[in-house]
PDB file of N, CA and C in Angstrom:
ATOM      1  N   MET A   1       0.978  -0.745   0.001  1.00  0.00           N
ATOM      2  CA  MET A   1       0.118  -0.325   0.306  1.00  0.00           C
ATOM      3  C   MET A   1       0.837   0.767  -0.036  1.00  0.00           C
ATOM      4  N   THR A   2       1.674   1.306   0.661  1.00  0.00           N
ATOM      5  CA  THR A   2       2.909   2.699   1.030  1.00  0.00           C
ATOM      6  C   THR A   2       3.095   2.921  -0.811  1.00  0.00           C
ATOM      7  N   LYS A   3       3.832   1.762  -1.379  1.00  0.00           N
ATOM      8  CA  LYS A   3       4.346   1.463  -2.802  1.00  0.00           C
ATOM      9  C   LYS A   3       3.360   2.539  -3.435  1.00  0.00           C
ATOM     10  N   ILE A   4       1.988   1.968  -3.375  1.00  0.00           N
ATOM     11  CA  ILE A   4       1.103   2.529  -4.288  1.00  0.00           C
ATOM     12  C   ILE A   4       0.415   4.421  -4.128  1.00  0.00           C
ATOM     13  N   ILE A   5       0.373   4.369  -2.616  1.00  0.00           N
ATOM     14  CA  ILE A   5       0.116   6.014  -2.186  1.00  0.00           C
ATOM     15  C   ILE A   5       1.525   6.885  -2.812  1.00  0.00           C
ATOM     16  N   ASN A   6       2.787   6.315  -2.196  1.00  0.00           N
ATOM     17  CA  ASN A   6       3.965   6.730  -2.620  1.00  0.00           C
ATOM     18  C   ASN A   6       4.751   6.611  -4.388  1.00  0.00           C
ATOM     19  N   SER A   7       3.467   6.564  -4.762  1.00  0.00           N
ATOM     20  CA  SER A   7       4.119   6.050  -6.363  1.00  0.00           C
ATOM     21  C   SER A   7       3.566   7.926  -7.591  1.00  0.00           C
ATOM     22  N   LYS A   8       5.164   8.036  -8.114  1.00  0.00           N
ATOM     23  CA  LYS A   8       5.503   9.570  -8.589  1.00  0.00           C
ATOM     24  C   LYS A   8       3.713   8.949 -10.367  1.00  0.00           C
ATOM     25  N   LEU A   9       3.650   7.920 -10.654  1.00  0.00           N
ATOM     26  CA  LEU A   9       2.657   7.215 -11.661  1.00  0.00           C
ATOM     27  C   LEU A   9       1.488   7.566 -10.895  1.00  0.00           C
ATOM     28  N   VAL A  10       1.231   7.346 -10.452  1.00  0.00           N
ATOM     29  CA  VAL A  10      -0.191   7.107  -9.441  1.00  0.00           C
ATOM     30  C   VAL A  10      -0.498   8.385  -9.283  1.00  0.00           C
ATOM     31  N   ALA A  11       0.583   9.759  -8.936  1.00  0.00           N
ATOM     32  CA  ALA A  11       0.109  10.738  -8.402  1.00  0.00           C
ATOM     33  C   ALA A  11       0.145  11.748  -9.718  1.00  0.00           C
ATOM     34  N   MET A  12       0.511  11.442 -11.059  1.00  0.00           N
ATOM     35  CA  MET A  12       0.636  12.290 -12.399  1.00  0.00           C
ATOM     36  C   MET A  12      -0.722  11.545 -12.699  1.00  0.00           C
ATOM     37  N   LEU A  13      -1.555  10.639 -12.993  1.00  0.00           N
ATOM     38  CA  LEU A  13      -2.422  10.047 -12.740  1.00  0.00           C
ATOM     39  C   LEU A  13      -3.646  10.558 -12.395  1.00  0.00           C
ATOM     40  N   ILE A  14      -3.854  10.919 -10.959  1.00  0.00           N
ATOM     41  CA  ILE A  14      -4.650  11.416 -10.424  1.00  0.00           C
ATOM     42  C   ILE A  14      -4.742  12.997 -10.413  1.00  0.00           C
ATOM     43  N   GLY A  15      -3.473  13.294 -10.467  1.00  0.00           N
ATOM     44  CA  GLY A  15      -3.457  14.899 -11.313  1.00  0.00           C
ATOM     45  C   GLY A  15      -4.121  14.988 -12.155  1.00  0.00           C
ATOM     46  N   ALA A  16      -4.051  14.251 -13.595  1.00  0.00           N
ATOM     47  CA  ALA A  16      -4.217  14.383 -15.121  1.00  0.00           C
ATOM     48  C   ALA A  16      -5.716  14.359 -14.542  1.00  0.00           C
ATOM     49  N   TRP A  17      -6.500  13.224 -14.315  1.00  0.00           N
ATOM     50  CA  TRP A  17      -7.577  12.844 -13.546  1.00  0.00           C
ATOM     51  C   TRP A  17      -8.357  14.340 -13.005  1.00  0.00           C
ATOM     52  N   ILE A  18      -7.643  14.741 -12.328  1.00  0.00           N
ATOM     53  CA  ILE A  18      -8.203  15.934 -11.451  1.00  0.00           C
ATOM     54  C   ILE A  18      -8.071  17.506 -12.466  1.00  0.00           C
ATOM     55  N   THR A  19      -7.091  17.124 -13.528  1.00  0.00           N
ATOM     56  CA  THR A  19      -7.177  18.482 -14.421  1.00  0.00           C
ATOM     57  C   THR A  19      -8.403  18.097 -15.390  1.00  0.00           C
ATOM     58  N   PHE A  20      -8.340  17.179 -15.535  1.00  0.00           N
ATOM     59  CA  PHE A  20      -9.362  16.753 -16.886  1.00  0.00           C
ATOM     60  C   PHE A  20     -10.743  17.221 -16.153  1.00  0.00           C
ATOM     61  N   CYS A  21     -11.042  16.614 -14.960  1.00  0.00           N
ATOM     62  CA  CYS A  21     -12.496  16.762 -14.332  1.00  0.00           C
ATOM     63  C   CYS A  21     -12.547  18.590 -14.391  1.00  0.00           C
ATOM     64  N   ALA A  22     -11.383  19.076 -14.031  1.00  0.00           N
ATOM     65  CA  ALA A  22     -11.477  20.235 -13.340  1.00  0.00           C
ATOM     66  C   ALA A  22     -12.290  21.262 -14.795  1.00  0.00           C
ATOM     67  N   MET A  23     -11.330  20.813 -15.839  1.00  0.00           N
ATOM     68  CA  MET A  23     -11.425  21.649 -17.400  1.00  0.00           C
ATOM     69  C   MET A  23     -12.663  20.947 -17.561  1.00  0.00           C
ATOM     70  N   THR A  24     -13.798  19.441 -17.679  1.00  0.00           N
ATOM     71  CA  THR A  24     -14.841  19.675 -17.974  1.00  0.00           C
ATOM     72  C   THR A  24     -16.057  20.320 -16.908  1.00  0.00           C
ATOM     73  N   GLY A  25     -15.434  20.894 -15.808  1.00  0.00           N
ATOM     74  CA  GLY A  25     -16.256  21.736 -14.825  1.00  0.00           C
ATOM     75  C   GLY A  25     -17.314  20.237 -13.809  1.00  0.00           C
ATOM     76  N   ASP A  26     -16.221  19.511 -13.818  1.00  0.00           N
ATOM     77  CA  ASP A  26     -17.260  18.071 -12.672  1.00  0.00           C
ATOM     78  C   ASP A  26     -15.850  18.913 -11.525  1.00  0.00           C
ATOM     79  N   TYR A  27     -16.545  19.578 -10.839  1.00  0.00           N
ATOM     80  CA  TYR A  27     -15.498  19.931 -10.052  1.00  0.00           C
ATOM     81  C   TYR A  27     -15.816  18.978  -8.347  1.00  0.00           C
ATOM     82  N   GLY A  28     -16.479  18.015  -8.572  1.00  0.00           N
ATOM     83  CA  GLY A  28     -17.441  16.969  -7.728  1.00  0.00           C
ATOM     84  C   GLY A  28     -16.386  15.803  -7.901  1.00  0.00           C
ATOM     85  N   GLY A  29     -16.302  15.451  -8.959  1.00  0.00           N
ATOM     86  CA  GLY A  29     -14.973  14.735  -9.010  1.00  0.00           C
ATOM     87  C   GLY A  29     -13.694  14.932  -8.568  1.00  0.00           C
ATOM     88  N   ALA A  30     -13.148  15.845  -8.954  1.00  0.00           N
ATOM     89  CA  ALA A  30     -11.554  16.892  -8.323  1.00  0.00           C
ATOM     90  C   ALA A  30     -11.495  16.326  -7.072  1.00  0.00           C
ATOM     91  N   VAL A  31     -12.839  17.035  -6.420  1.00  0.00           N
ATOM     92  CA  VAL A  31     -12.652  17.391  -5.081  1.00  0.00           C
ATOM     93  C   VAL A  31     -12.646  16.153  -4.167  1.00  0.00           C
ATOM     94  N   PHE A  32     -13.441  15.304  -5.152  1.00  0.00           N
ATOM     95  CA  PHE A  32     -13.423  13.477  -4.004  1.00  0.00           C
ATOM     96  C   PHE A  32     -12.447  13.153  -4.515  1.00  0.00           C
ATOM     97  N   LEU A  33     -11.489  12.960  -5.669  1.00  0.00           N
ATOM     98  CA  LEU A  33      -9.706  12.617  -5.432  1.00  0.00           C
ATOM     99  C   LEU A  33      -8.804  13.046  -4.835  1.00  0.00           C
ATOM    100  N   LEU A  34      -9.179  14.543  -4.722  1.00  0.00           N
ATOM    101  CA  LEU A  34      -8.161  15.189  -3.435  1.00  0.00           C
ATOM    102  C   LEU A  34      -8.524  14.863  -2.350  1.00  0.00           C
ATOM    103  N   PHE A  35      -9.816  14.730  -1.820  1.00  0.00           N
ATOM    104  CA  PHE A  35     -10.121  13.602  -0.481  1.00  0.00           C
ATOM    105  C   PHE A  35      -9.848  13.051  -0.163  1.00  0.00           C
ATOM    106  N   PHE A  36      -9.597  11.867  -1.290  1.00  0.00           N
ATOM    107  CA  PHE A  36      -9.647  10.536  -1.154  1.00  0.00           C
ATOM    108  C   PHE A  36      -8.307  10.327  -1.161  1.00  0.00           C
ATOM    109  N   TYR A  37      -7.318  10.814  -1.748  1.00  0.00           N
ATOM    110  CA  TYR A  37      -5.802  10.901  -1.651  1.00  0.00           C
ATOM    111  C   TYR A  37      -5.684  11.295  -0.735  1.00  0.00           C
ATOM    112  N   SER A  38      -6.259  12.423   0.009  1.00  0.00           N
ATOM    113  CA  SER A  38      -5.388  12.892   1.103  1.00  0.00           C
ATOM    114  C   SER A  38      -5.653  12.330   2.367  1.00  0.00           C
ATOM    115  N   LEU A  39      -6.474  11.258   2.140  1.00  0.00           N
ATOM    116  CA  LEU A  39      -7.084  10.529   2.799  1.00  0.00           C
ATOM    117  C   LEU A  39      -6.278   9.321   3.142  1.00  0.00           C
ATOM    118  N   MET A  40      -6.065   8.652   2.017  1.00  0.00           N
ATOM    119  CA  MET A  40      -4.492   7.639   2.342  1.00  0.00           C
ATOM    120  C   MET A  40      -3.649   7.828   2.520  1.00  0.00           C
ATOM    121  N   LEU A  41      -3.092   9.201   2.528  1.00  0.00           N
ATOM    122  CA  LEU A  41      -1.937   9.855   3.109  1.00  0.00           C
ATOM    123  C   LEU A  41      -2.104  10.167   3.841  1.00  0.00           C
ATOM    124  N   TRP A  42      -2.815  10.701   4.890  1.00  0.00           N
ATOM    125  CA  TRP A  42      -3.095  10.926   5.914  1.00  0.00           C
ATOM    126  C   TRP A  42      -2.770   9.054   6.909  1.00  0.00           C
ATOM    127  N   ASP A  43      -3.527   8.501   6.326  1.00  0.00           N
ATOM    128  CA  ASP A  43      -3.626   7.311   7.045  1.00  0.00           C
ATOM    129  C   ASP A  43      -2.049   6.508   7.156  1.00  0.00           C
ATOM    130  N   LEU A  44      -1.574   6.560   5.971  1.00  0.00           N
ATOM    131  CA  LEU A  44      -0.657   6.344   5.954  1.00  0.00           C
ATOM    132  C   LEU A  44       0.822   6.464   6.834  1.00  0.00           C
ATOM    133  N   ASN A  45       0.628   7.766   7.100  1.00  0.00           N
ATOM    134  CA  ASN A  45       0.833   8.386   8.359  1.00  0.00           C
ATOM    135  C   ASN A  45       0.708   8.168   9.484  1.00  0.00           C
ATOM    136  N   ALA A  46      -0.105   8.100   9.703  1.00  0.00           N
ATOM    137  CA  ALA A  46      -0.948   7.338  10.942  1.00  0.00           C
ATOM    138  C   ALA A  46      -0.558   6.349  11.572  1.00  0.00           C
ATOM    139  N   LYS A  47      -0.190   5.220  10.488  1.00  0.00           N
ATOM    140  CA  LYS A  47       0.496   4.495  10.803  1.00  0.00           C
ATOM    141  C   LYS A  47       1.823   4.677  11.047  1.00  0.00           C
ATOM    142  N   LYS A  48       2.497   5.021  10.109  1.00  0.00           N
ATOM    143  CA  LYS A  48       4.060   5.527  10.474  1.00  0.00           C
ATOM    144  C   LYS A  48       4.067   6.277  11.812  1.00  0.00           C
ATOM    145  N   ALA A  49       3.717   6.476  12.896  1.00  0.00           N
ATOM    146  CA  ALA A  49       3.401   8.105  13.628  1.00  0.00           C
ATOM    147  C   ALA A  49       3.455   6.856  14.433  1.00  0.00           C
ATOM    148  N   THR A  50       2.278   5.557  14.466  1.00  0.00           N
ATOM    149  CA  THR A  50       2.209   4.858  15.813  1.00  0.00           C
ATOM    150  C   THR A  50       2.914   3.840  15.948  1.00  0.00           C
ATOM    151  N   GLY A  51       3.600   3.207  14.536  1.00  0.00           N
ATOM    152  CA  GLY A  51       4.434   2.342  14.336  1.00  0.00           C
ATOM    153  C   GLY A  51       5.382   2.431  14.838  1.00  0.00           C
ATOM    154  N   ALA A  52       6.090   3.619  15.433  1.00  0.00           N
ATOM    155  CA  ALA A  52       7.066   3.867  15.704  1.00  0.00           C
ATOM    156  C   ALA A  52       8.034   3.316  17.408  1.00  0.00           C
ATOM    157  N   GLY A  53       6.490   3.152  17.601  1.00  0.00           N
ATOM    158  CA  GLY A  53       6.741   2.513  19.270  1.00  0.00           C
ATOM    159  C   GLY A  53       6.848   3.531  20.754  1.00  0.00           C
ATOM    160  N   ASN A  54       6.806   3.322  21.624  1.00  0.00           N
ATOM    161  CA  ASN A  54       6.712   3.766  22.799  1.00  0.00           C
ATOM    162  C   ASN A  54       8.110   4.982  22.360  1.00  0.00           C
ATOM    163  N   THR A  55       8.382   5.913  22.684  1.00  0.00           N
ATOM    164  CA  THR A  55       9.575   6.575  22.958  1.00  0.00           C
ATOM    165  C   THR A  55      10.050   7.457  23.924  1.00  0.00           C
ATOM    166  N   ASP A  56       8.748   8.222  24.323  1.00  0.00           N
ATOM    167  CA  ASP A  56       8.782   8.916  25.664  1.00  0.00           C
ATOM    168  C   ASP A  56       9.122   8.316  26.659  1.00  0.00           C
ATOM    169  N   GLY A  57       9.893   9.285  27.447  1.00  0.00           N
ATOM    170  CA  GLY A  57      10.963   8.473  28.449  1.00  0.00           C
ATOM    171  C   GLY A  57      11.985   7.344  28.316  1.00  0.00           C
ATOM    172  N   ASN A  58      12.086   7.567  27.130  1.00  0.00           N
ATOM    173  CA  ASN A  58      13.817   6.376  26.940  1.00  0.00           C
ATOM    174  C   ASN A  58      15.163   7.310  26.755  1.00  0.00           C
ATOM    175  N   LYS A  59      15.359   7.810  28.004  1.00  0.00           N
ATOM    176  CA  LYS A  59      16.463   8.958  27.532  1.00  0.00           C
ATOM    177  C   LYS A  59      17.975   7.923  28.327  1.00  0.00           C
TER     178      LYS A  59
END
């Protein structure tokens, strides 16, 4: 999943589709894709943050 989310090809395809949606006036599709991709990135970053283990108080 990490490789798919961080893939430059996927980001380019999503960007091209968002541009197409914006050019045709379908802003709902463009906003949905931006929201969906941002949720995937947020979930990936949340998993990285919680997967690091408890580092509080370890001096």
